[in-house]
């Protein structure tokens, strides 16, 4: 299952493989977003405290999770939504690079806001029958 491989790869980046293998698809996506948001919060804190090595690790984990989310998109079934998410994830990846290069807290805050909004949409789904889920591989 392509989603499971990419998603577990991304979630493994935050060291939380436990619980992922049995998770349903919606829960797995929510776990990825939670890990992403946690990594972004950590990166922000590390910038504020001048811990650049830890900032780099946190942004690296965040980038891996975004790549996992992006890699799990199903363009055949997801259509325009999958293409839009692909563009958003590409933009987020570029902003994460800018945040890393310039210790840019504003870029991290922007990405956190965008990803929190997407996570919120996923949280409203009872399962994968809704529109956002169609963009993800089955």
Foldseek 3Di string as FASTA:
>chain_A
DQLLVLLLQLLCLLVPNPPSVPDASLVSLLSLLVLLLVLLVQLLVCLVVVNLVSNVSSLVSNLSSLVSVLRQFDCVQLPPLNVVSNVVSVVLNVLSVVCSVPVDNVSSVVSSVVSVVVSVVSVPDPHLPDNNNSGGHD
